[in-house]
Amino acid sequence: MYILLAAATSFEIQPTIDQLKASPSLPEGHETDIVITGIGSIPTVYTLMRQIGRRKPDIIIQAGIAGCFLPGRIGEVLVIKEEALGDLGVQEGGQFRTVFDLHLTAPDIPPFSNGLLINPHQALLDITGLEKVRGITINEISTDKTRIGWYQQNIAPVVESMEGGALHFTCLKEGIPFLQVRSVSNDIGVRDKSKWDIKTAITSLNLQLIQILKKL
């Protein structure tokens, strides 16, 4: 099996990169490559498609840190079962309306299902042993209370990233099994980095990531 491990930045998965250099056959009998996509949805789609064009993986695993809409979960590692594209739409009349609200596209046109990008690979999700949650992808860190409240009321995500939806969209369109694994580094809200714990999030993420690779 050919595994592609993707992350927005190298520092998020550096312990796993070091482990793979020391044990290039991890997981045993399989081949693993690493791709650093850059931050945000557009760089992620571009980089993944370039890599897929060179050699199509049997599975793509995206790993990284994330903000969480539920307080008190810093350091927890979660697997994303479904993604919403949170900022695809228009802000008008004091409210946000999605492309589905605007009837610019239908919420069930593939790869969407009821407006979500759902990971259909239940066996892969199960093998992680992690809690399965909904993610939201936004190309900016959410700090506005009104916008955060809209996300919570209308989408009910648990974690927020800038790249998860790009992974789900690309893999669903290309027919590639995938996993998105996220470790909570901060609560969603005021961008007070003194309250973030990136070190703990990265440590937890990579411990779980190495275990997932061993289980494949």
N, C-alpha and C. Protein backbone atom coordinates (compact mmCIF):
# COMPACT_ATOMS: atom_id res chain seq x y z
N MET A 1 0.84 -1.19 0.00
CA MET A 1 0.00 0.00 0.00
C MET A 1 0.88 1.25 0.00
N TYR A 2 0.48 2.23 -0.81
CA TYR A 2 1.20 3.50 -0.88
C TYR A 2 0.42 4.55 -0.10
N ILE A 3 1.02 5.06 0.97
CA ILE A 3 0.37 6.00 1.88
C ILE A 3 0.97 7.38 1.67
N LEU A 4 0.10 8.39 1.55
CA LEU A 4 0.56 9.77 1.46
C LEU A 4 0.14 10.49 2.74
N LEU A 5 1.13 10.99 3.48
CA LEU A 5 0.88 11.73 4.71
C LEU A 5 1.01 13.21 4.40
N ALA A 6 -0.07 13.96 4.62
CA ALA A 6 -0.12 15.37 4.26
C ALA A 6 -0.31 16.24 5.50
N ALA A 7 0.33 17.40 5.49
CA ALA A 7 0.15 18.38 6.55
C ALA A 7 0.36 19.76 5.97
N ALA A 8 -0.26 20.76 6.60
CA ALA A 8 -0.10 22.13 6.12
C ALA A 8 1.32 22.63 6.34
N THR A 9 1.90 22.26 7.49
CA THR A 9 3.26 22.67 7.83
C THR A 9 4.04 21.47 8.35
N SER A 10 5.33 21.50 8.18
CA SER A 10 6.14 20.36 8.61
C SER A 10 6.20 20.24 10.13
N PHE A 11 6.16 21.39 10.84
CA PHE A 11 6.35 21.31 12.29
C PHE A 11 5.21 20.56 12.98
N GLU A 12 4.02 20.55 12.35
CA GLU A 12 2.89 19.85 12.95
C GLU A 12 3.12 18.34 13.01
N ILE A 13 3.86 17.81 12.05
CA ILE A 13 4.08 16.36 12.01
C ILE A 13 5.56 16.01 12.08
N GLN A 14 6.40 16.92 12.58
CA GLN A 14 7.85 16.67 12.60
C GLN A 14 8.23 15.41 13.37
N PRO A 15 7.62 15.12 14.54
CA PRO A 15 7.98 13.87 15.22
C PRO A 15 7.70 12.63 14.37
N THR A 16 6.63 12.65 13.59
CA THR A 16 6.33 11.51 12.72
C THR A 16 7.31 11.46 11.55
N ILE A 17 7.67 12.62 11.01
CA ILE A 17 8.69 12.66 9.95
C ILE A 17 9.99 12.04 10.45
N ASP A 18 10.39 12.39 11.67
CA ASP A 18 11.62 11.84 12.24
C ASP A 18 11.50 10.33 12.43
N GLN A 19 10.33 9.88 12.86
CA GLN A 19 10.11 8.45 13.06
C GLN A 19 10.17 7.70 11.74
N LEU A 20 9.61 8.28 10.70
CA LEU A 20 9.63 7.64 9.38
C LEU A 20 11.04 7.59 8.80
N LYS A 21 11.84 8.59 9.09
CA LYS A 21 13.24 8.56 8.64
C LYS A 21 14.00 7.44 9.34
N ALA A 22 13.68 7.23 10.61
CA ALA A 22 14.35 6.18 11.37
C ALA A 22 13.83 4.80 11.00
N SER A 23 12.55 4.72 10.64
CA SER A 23 11.91 3.44 10.28
C SER A 23 11.15 3.62 8.98
N PRO A 24 11.85 3.65 7.85
CA PRO A 24 11.20 3.94 6.57
C PRO A 24 10.15 2.92 6.15
N SER A 25 10.13 1.75 6.77
CA SER A 25 9.14 0.73 6.42
C SER A 25 7.89 0.83 7.30
N LEU A 26 7.74 1.93 8.07
CA LEU A 26 6.56 2.13 8.91
C LEU A 26 5.46 2.73 8.05
N PRO A 27 4.28 2.08 8.03
CA PRO A 27 3.96 0.78 8.61
C PRO A 27 4.59 -0.35 7.81
N GLU A 28 4.87 -1.46 8.49
CA GLU A 28 5.62 -2.55 7.90
C GLU A 28 4.96 -3.05 6.62
N GLY A 29 5.75 -3.17 5.59
CA GLY A 29 5.26 -3.70 4.32
C GLY A 29 4.62 -2.65 3.43
N HIS A 30 4.57 -1.40 3.88
CA HIS A 30 3.95 -0.33 3.09
C HIS A 30 4.96 0.78 2.84
N GLU A 31 4.62 1.64 1.90
CA GLU A 31 5.47 2.78 1.55
C GLU A 31 4.75 4.07 1.93
N THR A 32 5.44 4.97 2.63
CA THR A 32 4.84 6.22 3.06
C THR A 32 5.64 7.40 2.54
N ASP A 33 4.94 8.33 1.88
CA ASP A 33 5.54 9.59 1.45
C ASP A 33 4.91 10.73 2.24
N ILE A 34 5.62 11.83 2.32
CA ILE A 34 5.15 13.01 3.04
C ILE A 34 5.03 14.18 2.07
N VAL A 35 3.94 14.93 2.19
CA VAL A 35 3.79 16.14 1.39
C VAL A 35 3.33 17.27 2.31
N ILE A 36 4.00 18.40 2.20
CA ILE A 36 3.63 19.59 2.95
C ILE A 36 2.88 20.51 1.99
N THR A 37 1.62 20.72 2.26
CA THR A 37 0.73 21.37 1.30
C THR A 37 0.77 22.89 1.35
N GLY A 38 1.17 23.46 2.49
CA GLY A 38 0.99 24.88 2.71
C GLY A 38 -0.34 25.13 3.40
N ILE A 39 -0.52 26.34 3.89
CA ILE A 39 -1.68 26.68 4.70
C ILE A 39 -2.82 27.17 3.81
N GLY A 40 -4.03 26.66 4.07
CA GLY A 40 -5.22 27.11 3.34
C GLY A 40 -5.70 26.10 2.31
N SER A 41 -6.95 26.28 1.90
CA SER A 41 -7.60 25.32 1.01
C SER A 41 -6.99 25.28 -0.38
N ILE A 42 -6.73 26.45 -0.96
CA ILE A 42 -6.23 26.47 -2.34
C ILE A 42 -4.85 25.82 -2.45
N PRO A 43 -3.87 26.17 -1.60
CA PRO A 43 -2.59 25.46 -1.67
C PRO A 43 -2.74 23.96 -1.44
N THR A 44 -3.68 23.58 -0.55
CA THR A 44 -3.85 22.15 -0.26
C THR A 44 -4.36 21.40 -1.47
N VAL A 45 -5.39 21.91 -2.12
CA VAL A 45 -5.92 21.25 -3.32
C VAL A 45 -4.85 21.16 -4.41
N TYR A 46 -4.16 22.27 -4.65
CA TYR A 46 -3.13 22.28 -5.69
C TYR A 46 -2.04 21.26 -5.42
N THR A 47 -1.53 21.25 -4.19
CA THR A 47 -0.42 20.35 -3.85
C THR A 47 -0.86 18.89 -3.90
N LEU A 48 -2.05 18.60 -3.37
CA LEU A 48 -2.54 17.22 -3.40
C LEU A 48 -2.73 16.74 -4.84
N MET A 49 -3.30 17.58 -5.69
CA MET A 49 -3.54 17.16 -7.08
C MET A 49 -2.23 16.95 -7.84
N ARG A 50 -1.24 17.76 -7.57
CA ARG A 50 0.08 17.54 -8.19
C ARG A 50 0.64 16.19 -7.76
N GLN A 51 0.52 15.90 -6.47
CA GLN A 51 1.06 14.64 -5.95
C GLN A 51 0.29 13.46 -6.51
N ILE A 52 -1.03 13.57 -6.56
CA ILE A 52 -1.86 12.49 -7.10
C ILE A 52 -1.55 12.26 -8.57
N GLY A 53 -1.28 13.34 -9.30
CA GLY A 53 -0.95 13.21 -10.72
C GLY A 53 0.36 12.46 -10.95
N ARG A 54 1.27 12.61 -10.02
CA ARG A 54 2.54 11.89 -10.14
C ARG A 54 2.38 10.42 -9.79
N ARG A 55 1.64 10.17 -8.72
CA ARG A 55 1.41 8.80 -8.27
C ARG A 55 0.20 8.77 -7.35
N LYS A 56 -0.79 8.03 -7.71
CA LYS A 56 -2.04 8.01 -6.94
C LYS A 56 -1.87 7.16 -5.68
N PRO A 57 -2.09 7.75 -4.51
CA PRO A 57 -1.94 6.98 -3.27
C PRO A 57 -3.10 6.00 -3.05
N ASP A 58 -2.85 4.99 -2.25
CA ASP A 58 -3.93 4.10 -1.81
C ASP A 58 -4.72 4.72 -0.67
N ILE A 59 -4.08 5.63 0.06
CA ILE A 59 -4.74 6.35 1.14
C ILE A 59 -3.98 7.65 1.39
N ILE A 60 -4.72 8.71 1.70
CA ILE A 60 -4.12 9.97 2.12
C ILE A 60 -4.54 10.22 3.56
N ILE A 61 -3.54 10.52 4.40
CA ILE A 61 -3.81 10.90 5.79
C ILE A 61 -3.37 12.34 5.96
N GLN A 62 -4.31 13.19 6.32
CA GLN A 62 -3.98 14.58 6.62
C GLN A 62 -3.97 14.75 8.13
N ALA A 63 -2.94 15.37 8.65
CA ALA A 63 -2.81 15.55 10.10
C ALA A 63 -2.43 16.98 10.41
N GLY A 64 -2.96 17.50 11.52
CA GLY A 64 -2.61 18.85 11.90
C GLY A 64 -3.31 19.26 13.19
N ILE A 65 -3.00 20.47 13.63
CA ILE A 65 -3.64 21.01 14.81
C ILE A 65 -4.88 21.78 14.39
N ALA A 66 -5.76 22.08 15.36
CA ALA A 66 -7.02 22.73 15.04
C ALA A 66 -7.54 23.48 16.25
N GLY A 67 -8.41 24.45 15.98
CA GLY A 67 -9.17 25.09 17.04
C GLY A 67 -10.42 24.29 17.33
N CYS A 68 -10.96 24.44 18.54
CA CYS A 68 -12.12 23.65 18.95
C CYS A 68 -13.24 24.57 19.45
N PHE A 69 -14.47 24.27 19.04
CA PHE A 69 -15.63 25.04 19.47
C PHE A 69 -16.11 24.63 20.86
N LEU A 70 -15.62 23.50 21.36
CA LEU A 70 -16.00 23.03 22.69
C LEU A 70 -14.84 23.31 23.64
N PRO A 71 -15.06 24.03 24.72
CA PRO A 71 -13.94 24.38 25.61
C PRO A 71 -13.40 23.18 26.37
N GLY A 72 -12.14 23.31 26.77
CA GLY A 72 -11.54 22.32 27.65
C GLY A 72 -11.05 21.06 26.99
N ARG A 73 -10.77 21.08 25.69
CA ARG A 73 -10.37 19.86 24.99
C ARG A 73 -8.97 19.96 24.38
N ILE A 74 -8.20 20.92 24.84
CA ILE A 74 -6.85 21.09 24.30
C ILE A 74 -6.01 19.83 24.53
N GLY A 75 -5.35 19.37 23.48
CA GLY A 75 -4.53 18.17 23.54
C GLY A 75 -5.25 16.91 23.11
N GLU A 76 -6.58 16.98 22.94
CA GLU A 76 -7.33 15.81 22.48
C GLU A 76 -7.14 15.63 20.98
N VAL A 77 -7.06 14.39 20.54
CA VAL A 77 -6.90 14.07 19.13
C VAL A 77 -8.21 13.45 18.62
N LEU A 78 -8.68 13.95 17.49
CA LEU A 78 -9.97 13.57 16.94
C LEU A 78 -9.82 13.21 15.48
N VAL A 79 -10.73 12.40 14.98
CA VAL A 79 -10.76 12.09 13.56
C VAL A 79 -12.03 12.70 12.98
N ILE A 80 -11.91 13.28 11.79
CA ILE A 80 -13.01 14.05 11.22
C ILE A 80 -13.83 13.15 10.29
N LYS A 81 -15.10 12.98 10.65
CA LYS A 81 -15.98 12.13 9.84
C LYS A 81 -16.65 12.91 8.72
N GLU A 82 -16.78 14.24 8.88
CA GLU A 82 -17.44 15.04 7.86
C GLU A 82 -17.00 16.50 8.00
N GLU A 83 -16.99 17.19 6.87
CA GLU A 83 -16.52 18.57 6.82
C GLU A 83 -17.57 19.48 6.18
N ALA A 84 -17.62 20.71 6.66
CA ALA A 84 -18.41 21.77 6.03
C ALA A 84 -17.46 22.87 5.57
N LEU A 85 -17.77 23.50 4.44
CA LEU A 85 -17.00 24.64 3.97
C LEU A 85 -17.67 25.89 4.53
N GLY A 86 -17.09 26.43 5.60
CA GLY A 86 -17.79 27.42 6.40
C GLY A 86 -17.87 28.81 5.83
N ASP A 87 -16.97 29.19 4.92
CA ASP A 87 -16.97 30.56 4.43
C ASP A 87 -17.28 30.65 2.94
N LEU A 88 -17.92 29.63 2.40
CA LEU A 88 -18.30 29.64 0.98
C LEU A 88 -19.73 30.16 0.86
N GLY A 89 -19.84 31.46 0.59
CA GLY A 89 -21.16 32.06 0.53
C GLY A 89 -21.05 33.57 0.52
N VAL A 90 -22.03 34.25 1.13
CA VAL A 90 -22.06 35.70 1.13
C VAL A 90 -22.56 36.21 2.48
N GLN A 91 -21.99 37.32 2.91
CA GLN A 91 -22.45 38.01 4.12
C GLN A 91 -23.28 39.21 3.66
N GLU A 92 -24.57 39.19 3.93
CA GLU A 92 -25.41 40.31 3.54
C GLU A 92 -26.59 40.43 4.49
N GLY A 93 -27.07 41.65 4.65
CA GLY A 93 -28.20 41.87 5.53
C GLY A 93 -27.96 41.44 6.95
N GLY A 94 -26.68 41.49 7.37
CA GLY A 94 -26.35 41.12 8.74
C GLY A 94 -26.30 39.64 9.01
N GLN A 95 -26.36 38.83 7.96
CA GLN A 95 -26.28 37.38 8.17
C GLN A 95 -25.48 36.72 7.05
N PHE A 96 -24.98 35.53 7.34
CA PHE A 96 -24.21 34.77 6.36
C PHE A 96 -25.13 33.77 5.67
N ARG A 97 -25.01 33.65 4.36
CA ARG A 97 -25.79 32.68 3.59
C ARG A 97 -24.83 31.84 2.75
N THR A 98 -24.97 30.53 2.83
CA THR A 98 -24.10 29.63 2.09
C THR A 98 -24.51 29.57 0.62
N VAL A 99 -23.65 28.95 -0.18
CA VAL A 99 -23.99 28.77 -1.60
C VAL A 99 -25.22 27.88 -1.76
N PHE A 100 -25.48 27.05 -0.77
CA PHE A 100 -26.68 26.21 -0.82
C PHE A 100 -27.92 27.04 -0.48
N ASP A 101 -27.79 27.95 0.49
CA ASP A 101 -28.89 28.86 0.80
C ASP A 101 -29.23 29.74 -0.39
N LEU A 102 -28.21 30.12 -1.15
CA LEU A 102 -28.39 31.00 -2.30
C LEU A 102 -28.86 30.25 -3.54
N HIS A 103 -28.94 28.92 -3.44
CA HIS A 103 -29.35 28.06 -4.56
C HIS A 103 -28.40 28.19 -5.76
N LEU A 104 -27.14 28.46 -5.45
CA LEU A 104 -26.12 28.47 -6.50
C LEU A 104 -25.70 27.06 -6.87
N THR A 105 -25.87 26.15 -5.95
CA THR A 105 -25.65 24.73 -6.19
C THR A 105 -26.50 23.96 -5.19
N ALA A 106 -26.72 22.69 -5.48
CA ALA A 106 -27.57 21.87 -4.60
C ALA A 106 -26.70 21.19 -3.54
N PRO A 107 -27.22 21.01 -2.33
CA PRO A 107 -26.42 20.43 -1.25
C PRO A 107 -26.14 18.94 -1.41
N ASP A 108 -26.75 18.29 -2.39
CA ASP A 108 -26.53 16.86 -2.59
C ASP A 108 -25.84 16.54 -3.91
N ILE A 109 -25.30 17.54 -4.56
CA ILE A 109 -24.50 17.28 -5.76
C ILE A 109 -23.13 16.79 -5.31
N PRO A 110 -22.70 15.60 -5.74
CA PRO A 110 -21.41 15.05 -5.31
C PRO A 110 -20.28 16.04 -5.59
N PRO A 111 -19.32 16.11 -4.66
CA PRO A 111 -19.11 15.18 -3.55
C PRO A 111 -19.85 15.54 -2.25
N PHE A 112 -20.76 16.52 -2.32
CA PHE A 112 -21.50 16.92 -1.13
C PHE A 112 -22.66 15.99 -0.84
N SER A 113 -22.97 15.85 0.42
CA SER A 113 -24.16 15.13 0.86
C SER A 113 -24.80 15.96 1.95
N ASN A 114 -25.96 16.52 1.65
CA ASN A 114 -26.63 17.44 2.57
C ASN A 114 -25.70 18.59 2.97
N GLY A 115 -24.94 19.05 2.01
CA GLY A 115 -24.05 20.18 2.24
C GLY A 115 -22.74 19.85 2.93
N LEU A 116 -22.51 18.58 3.21
CA LEU A 116 -21.30 18.15 3.92
C LEU A 116 -20.41 17.29 3.02
N LEU A 117 -19.13 17.27 3.34
CA LEU A 117 -18.17 16.40 2.68
C LEU A 117 -17.87 15.26 3.64
N ILE A 118 -18.55 14.14 3.43
CA ILE A 118 -18.55 13.04 4.40
C ILE A 118 -17.52 11.98 4.01
N ASN A 119 -16.72 11.56 4.99
CA ASN A 119 -15.79 10.46 4.77
C ASN A 119 -16.57 9.14 4.81
N PRO A 120 -16.65 8.42 3.69
CA PRO A 120 -17.44 7.19 3.66
C PRO A 120 -16.69 5.95 4.14
N HIS A 121 -15.42 6.11 4.47
CA HIS A 121 -14.56 4.96 4.77
C HIS A 121 -14.61 4.64 6.26
N GLN A 122 -15.70 4.02 6.66
CA GLN A 122 -15.97 3.78 8.07
C GLN A 122 -14.90 2.90 8.71
N ALA A 123 -14.43 1.90 8.00
CA ALA A 123 -13.41 1.01 8.56
C ALA A 123 -12.13 1.77 8.90
N LEU A 124 -11.75 2.73 8.05
CA LEU A 124 -10.57 3.55 8.34
C LEU A 124 -10.80 4.44 9.54
N LEU A 125 -11.99 5.05 9.61
CA LEU A 125 -12.31 5.89 10.77
C LEU A 125 -12.26 5.06 12.05
N ASP A 126 -12.79 3.85 11.99
CA ASP A 126 -12.83 2.98 13.17
C ASP A 126 -11.44 2.57 13.63
N ILE A 127 -10.55 2.33 12.66
CA ILE A 127 -9.22 1.81 13.00
C ILE A 127 -8.42 2.81 13.83
N THR A 128 -8.77 4.09 13.73
CA THR A 128 -8.04 5.09 14.50
C THR A 128 -8.33 4.98 16.00
N GLY A 129 -9.51 4.49 16.34
CA GLY A 129 -9.91 4.44 17.74
C GLY A 129 -10.20 5.80 18.34
N LEU A 130 -10.30 6.83 17.49
CA LEU A 130 -10.52 8.20 17.96
C LEU A 130 -11.99 8.60 17.86
N GLU A 131 -12.35 9.60 18.63
CA GLU A 131 -13.70 10.15 18.55
C GLU A 131 -13.92 10.77 17.17
N LYS A 132 -15.06 10.46 16.56
CA LYS A 132 -15.38 10.96 15.22
C LYS A 132 -16.23 12.22 15.36
N VAL A 133 -15.78 13.31 14.73
CA VAL A 133 -16.47 14.60 14.88
C VAL A 133 -16.61 15.30 13.54
N ARG A 134 -17.42 16.36 13.57
CA ARG A 134 -17.59 17.20 12.38
C ARG A 134 -16.59 18.36 12.42
N GLY A 135 -16.00 18.63 11.28
CA GLY A 135 -15.09 19.76 11.16
C GLY A 135 -15.67 20.84 10.26
N ILE A 136 -15.09 22.02 10.36
CA ILE A 136 -15.44 23.11 9.46
C ILE A 136 -14.14 23.71 8.93
N THR A 137 -14.14 24.03 7.65
CA THR A 137 -12.95 24.60 7.01
C THR A 137 -13.22 26.05 6.68
N ILE A 138 -12.34 26.91 7.16
CA ILE A 138 -12.46 28.35 6.96
C ILE A 138 -11.07 28.88 6.65
N ASN A 139 -10.98 29.81 5.71
CA ASN A 139 -9.68 30.33 5.31
C ASN A 139 -9.22 31.51 6.17
N GLU A 140 -9.81 31.63 7.35
CA GLU A 140 -9.35 32.60 8.33
C GLU A 140 -9.67 32.03 9.71
N ILE A 141 -8.88 32.40 10.70
CA ILE A 141 -9.15 31.94 12.06
C ILE A 141 -10.36 32.69 12.60
N SER A 142 -11.34 31.96 13.11
CA SER A 142 -12.58 32.58 13.59
C SER A 142 -12.37 33.27 14.92
N THR A 143 -12.69 34.57 14.98
CA THR A 143 -12.62 35.33 16.22
C THR A 143 -13.90 36.12 16.48
N ASP A 144 -14.69 36.39 15.43
CA ASP A 144 -15.91 37.18 15.57
C ASP A 144 -17.00 36.36 16.27
N LYS A 145 -17.53 36.89 17.38
CA LYS A 145 -18.50 36.14 18.17
C LYS A 145 -19.78 35.84 17.40
N THR A 146 -20.22 36.81 16.60
CA THR A 146 -21.45 36.60 15.82
C THR A 146 -21.27 35.49 14.80
N ARG A 147 -20.13 35.51 14.12
CA ARG A 147 -19.86 34.48 13.10
C ARG A 147 -19.68 33.11 13.76
N ILE A 148 -18.99 33.07 14.88
CA ILE A 148 -18.81 31.82 15.62
C ILE A 148 -20.17 31.25 16.03
N GLY A 149 -21.04 32.13 16.52
CA GLY A 149 -22.38 31.70 16.91
C GLY A 149 -23.16 31.14 15.74
N TRP A 150 -22.98 31.75 14.55
CA TRP A 150 -23.67 31.24 13.35
C TRP A 150 -23.17 29.84 13.01
N TYR A 151 -21.86 29.65 13.07
CA TYR A 151 -21.30 28.32 12.80
C TYR A 151 -21.88 27.29 13.77
N GLN A 152 -21.91 27.64 15.04
CA GLN A 152 -22.39 26.70 16.05
C GLN A 152 -23.86 26.37 15.85
N GLN A 153 -24.65 27.36 15.51
CA GLN A 153 -26.09 27.15 15.36
C GLN A 153 -26.44 26.43 14.07
N ASN A 154 -25.74 26.74 12.99
CA ASN A 154 -26.13 26.23 11.67
C ASN A 154 -25.32 25.04 11.18
N ILE A 155 -24.09 24.87 11.69
CA ILE A 155 -23.23 23.77 11.23
C ILE A 155 -22.87 22.82 12.36
N ALA A 156 -22.77 23.33 13.57
CA ALA A 156 -22.43 22.53 14.75
C ALA A 156 -21.12 21.77 14.59
N PRO A 157 -20.05 22.46 14.21
CA PRO A 157 -18.75 21.77 14.13
C PRO A 157 -18.12 21.63 15.50
N VAL A 158 -17.18 20.70 15.58
CA VAL A 158 -16.38 20.56 16.80
C VAL A 158 -15.02 21.22 16.61
N VAL A 159 -14.42 21.04 15.45
CA VAL A 159 -13.10 21.63 15.21
C VAL A 159 -13.10 22.46 13.94
N GLU A 160 -12.14 23.37 13.88
CA GLU A 160 -11.96 24.26 12.73
C GLU A 160 -10.54 24.15 12.21
N SER A 161 -10.42 24.04 10.88
CA SER A 161 -9.10 24.06 10.25
C SER A 161 -9.19 24.89 8.98
N MET A 162 -8.06 25.05 8.32
CA MET A 162 -8.02 25.76 7.04
C MET A 162 -7.85 24.82 5.85
N GLU A 163 -7.70 23.52 6.11
CA GLU A 163 -7.36 22.59 5.02
C GLU A 163 -8.22 21.33 4.95
N GLY A 164 -8.99 21.03 6.00
CA GLY A 164 -9.69 19.75 6.04
C GLY A 164 -10.67 19.54 4.90
N GLY A 165 -11.45 20.58 4.60
CA GLY A 165 -12.42 20.46 3.52
C GLY A 165 -11.77 20.21 2.17
N ALA A 166 -10.57 20.78 1.98
CA ALA A 166 -9.84 20.56 0.72
C ALA A 166 -9.45 19.10 0.56
N LEU A 167 -9.03 18.48 1.67
CA LEU A 167 -8.72 17.05 1.63
C LEU A 167 -9.95 16.24 1.27
N HIS A 168 -11.05 16.46 1.99
CA HIS A 168 -12.27 15.69 1.75
C HIS A 168 -12.76 15.86 0.32
N PHE A 169 -12.82 17.10 -0.15
CA PHE A 169 -13.30 17.36 -1.52
C PHE A 169 -12.44 16.65 -2.55
N THR A 170 -11.11 16.80 -2.43
CA THR A 170 -10.20 16.20 -3.40
C THR A 170 -10.30 14.68 -3.41
N CYS A 171 -10.27 14.07 -2.24
CA CYS A 171 -10.27 12.61 -2.16
C CYS A 171 -11.61 12.03 -2.60
N LEU A 172 -12.70 12.69 -2.27
CA LEU A 172 -14.01 12.21 -2.72
C LEU A 172 -14.12 12.28 -4.24
N LYS A 173 -13.63 13.35 -4.83
CA LYS A 173 -13.67 13.49 -6.29
C LYS A 173 -12.75 12.49 -6.98
N GLU A 174 -11.60 12.20 -6.36
CA GLU A 174 -10.61 11.32 -6.98
C GLU A 174 -10.77 9.85 -6.59
N GLY A 175 -11.70 9.56 -5.68
CA GLY A 175 -11.94 8.17 -5.28
C GLY A 175 -10.79 7.59 -4.46
N ILE A 176 -10.19 8.40 -3.59
CA ILE A 176 -9.06 7.95 -2.78
C ILE A 176 -9.49 7.86 -1.31
N PRO A 177 -9.33 6.72 -0.66
CA PRO A 177 -9.61 6.63 0.78
C PRO A 177 -8.76 7.63 1.55
N PHE A 178 -9.31 8.15 2.64
CA PHE A 178 -8.60 9.20 3.35
C PHE A 178 -8.99 9.25 4.82
N LEU A 179 -8.11 9.89 5.59
CA LEU A 179 -8.36 10.19 6.99
C LEU A 179 -7.89 11.61 7.26
N GLN A 180 -8.64 12.32 8.08
CA GLN A 180 -8.19 13.61 8.59
C GLN A 180 -8.13 13.52 10.11
N VAL A 181 -6.94 13.73 10.65
CA VAL A 181 -6.72 13.62 12.09
C VAL A 181 -6.30 14.98 12.62
N ARG A 182 -7.00 15.44 13.66
CA ARG A 182 -6.74 16.77 14.20
C ARG A 182 -6.53 16.72 15.71
N SER A 183 -5.57 17.51 16.18
CA SER A 183 -5.32 17.65 17.61
C SER A 183 -5.65 19.08 18.01
N VAL A 184 -6.37 19.23 19.10
CA VAL A 184 -6.86 20.54 19.52
C VAL A 184 -5.72 21.34 20.18
N SER A 185 -5.45 22.52 19.63
CA SER A 185 -4.41 23.39 20.18
C SER A 185 -4.98 24.60 20.90
N ASN A 186 -6.26 24.92 20.63
CA ASN A 186 -6.83 26.14 21.22
C ASN A 186 -8.35 26.11 21.13
N ASP A 187 -8.97 26.89 21.99
CA ASP A 187 -10.41 27.11 21.90
C ASP A 187 -10.67 28.17 20.83
N ILE A 188 -11.80 28.05 20.13
CA ILE A 188 -12.20 29.05 19.16
C ILE A 188 -12.66 30.30 19.89
N GLY A 189 -12.23 31.47 19.41
CA GLY A 189 -12.64 32.72 20.03
C GLY A 189 -11.56 33.77 19.90
N VAL A 190 -11.36 34.54 20.93
CA VAL A 190 -10.34 35.59 20.90
C VAL A 190 -8.97 34.96 20.66
N ARG A 191 -8.22 35.53 19.75
CA ARG A 191 -6.93 34.95 19.36
C ARG A 191 -5.85 35.32 20.38
N ASP A 192 -5.97 34.72 21.55
CA ASP A 192 -4.99 34.93 22.63
C ASP A 192 -4.06 33.73 22.66
N LYS A 193 -2.91 33.87 22.01
CA LYS A 193 -2.02 32.72 21.86
C LYS A 193 -1.39 32.29 23.18
N SER A 194 -1.50 33.12 24.23
CA SER A 194 -1.00 32.69 25.52
C SER A 194 -1.83 31.55 26.09
N LYS A 195 -3.05 31.38 25.56
CA LYS A 195 -3.93 30.31 26.01
C LYS A 195 -3.88 29.09 25.09
N TRP A 196 -3.11 29.18 24.02
CA TRP A 196 -2.93 28.04 23.12
C TRP A 196 -1.87 27.11 23.71
N ASP A 197 -1.97 25.84 23.35
CA ASP A 197 -0.95 24.87 23.77
C ASP A 197 -0.57 24.03 22.56
N ILE A 198 0.20 24.65 21.69
CA ILE A 198 0.59 23.98 20.44
C ILE A 198 1.52 22.81 20.72
N LYS A 199 2.40 22.96 21.70
CA LYS A 199 3.35 21.88 22.00
C LYS A 199 2.62 20.61 22.41
N THR A 200 1.67 20.73 23.32
CA THR A 200 0.90 19.55 23.76
C THR A 200 0.11 18.97 22.60
N ALA A 201 -0.50 19.84 21.80
CA ALA A 201 -1.30 19.37 20.65
C ALA A 201 -0.45 18.57 19.67
N ILE A 202 0.75 19.07 19.38
CA ILE A 202 1.62 18.38 18.43
C ILE A 202 2.11 17.05 19.00
N THR A 203 2.45 17.05 20.28
CA THR A 203 2.89 15.80 20.91
C THR A 203 1.78 14.75 20.84
N SER A 204 0.57 15.13 21.21
CA SER A 204 -0.57 14.20 21.19
C SER A 204 -0.86 13.73 19.77
N LEU A 205 -0.85 14.67 18.83
CA LEU A 205 -1.14 14.34 17.44
C LEU A 205 -0.19 13.28 16.91
N ASN A 206 1.10 13.46 17.13
CA ASN A 206 2.07 12.55 16.55
C ASN A 206 2.11 11.19 17.23
N LEU A 207 1.82 11.16 18.51
CA LEU A 207 1.69 9.86 19.19
C LEU A 207 0.58 9.05 18.56
N GLN A 208 -0.56 9.69 18.31
CA GLN A 208 -1.70 9.00 17.69
C GLN A 208 -1.42 8.67 16.23
N LEU A 209 -0.77 9.59 15.53
CA LEU A 209 -0.49 9.39 14.11
C LEU A 209 0.40 8.18 13.88
N ILE A 210 1.43 8.03 14.69
CA ILE A 210 2.32 6.87 14.57
C ILE A 210 1.57 5.57 14.86
N GLN A 211 0.68 5.61 15.84
CA GLN A 211 -0.13 4.43 16.15
C GLN A 211 -1.06 4.07 15.00
N ILE A 212 -1.65 5.08 14.37
CA ILE A 212 -2.52 4.84 13.22
C ILE A 212 -1.76 4.20 12.08
N LEU A 213 -0.56 4.70 11.82
CA LEU A 213 0.27 4.13 10.75
C LEU A 213 0.58 2.66 11.04
N LYS A 214 0.84 2.34 12.29
CA LYS A 214 1.16 0.96 12.67
C LYS A 214 -0.04 0.03 12.49
N LYS A 215 -1.26 0.60 12.59
CA LYS A 215 -2.46 -0.22 12.49
C LYS A 215 -2.87 -0.51 11.04
N LEU A 216 -2.36 0.26 10.10
CA LEU A 216 -2.78 0.10 8.70
C LEU A 216 -2.27 -1.21 8.10
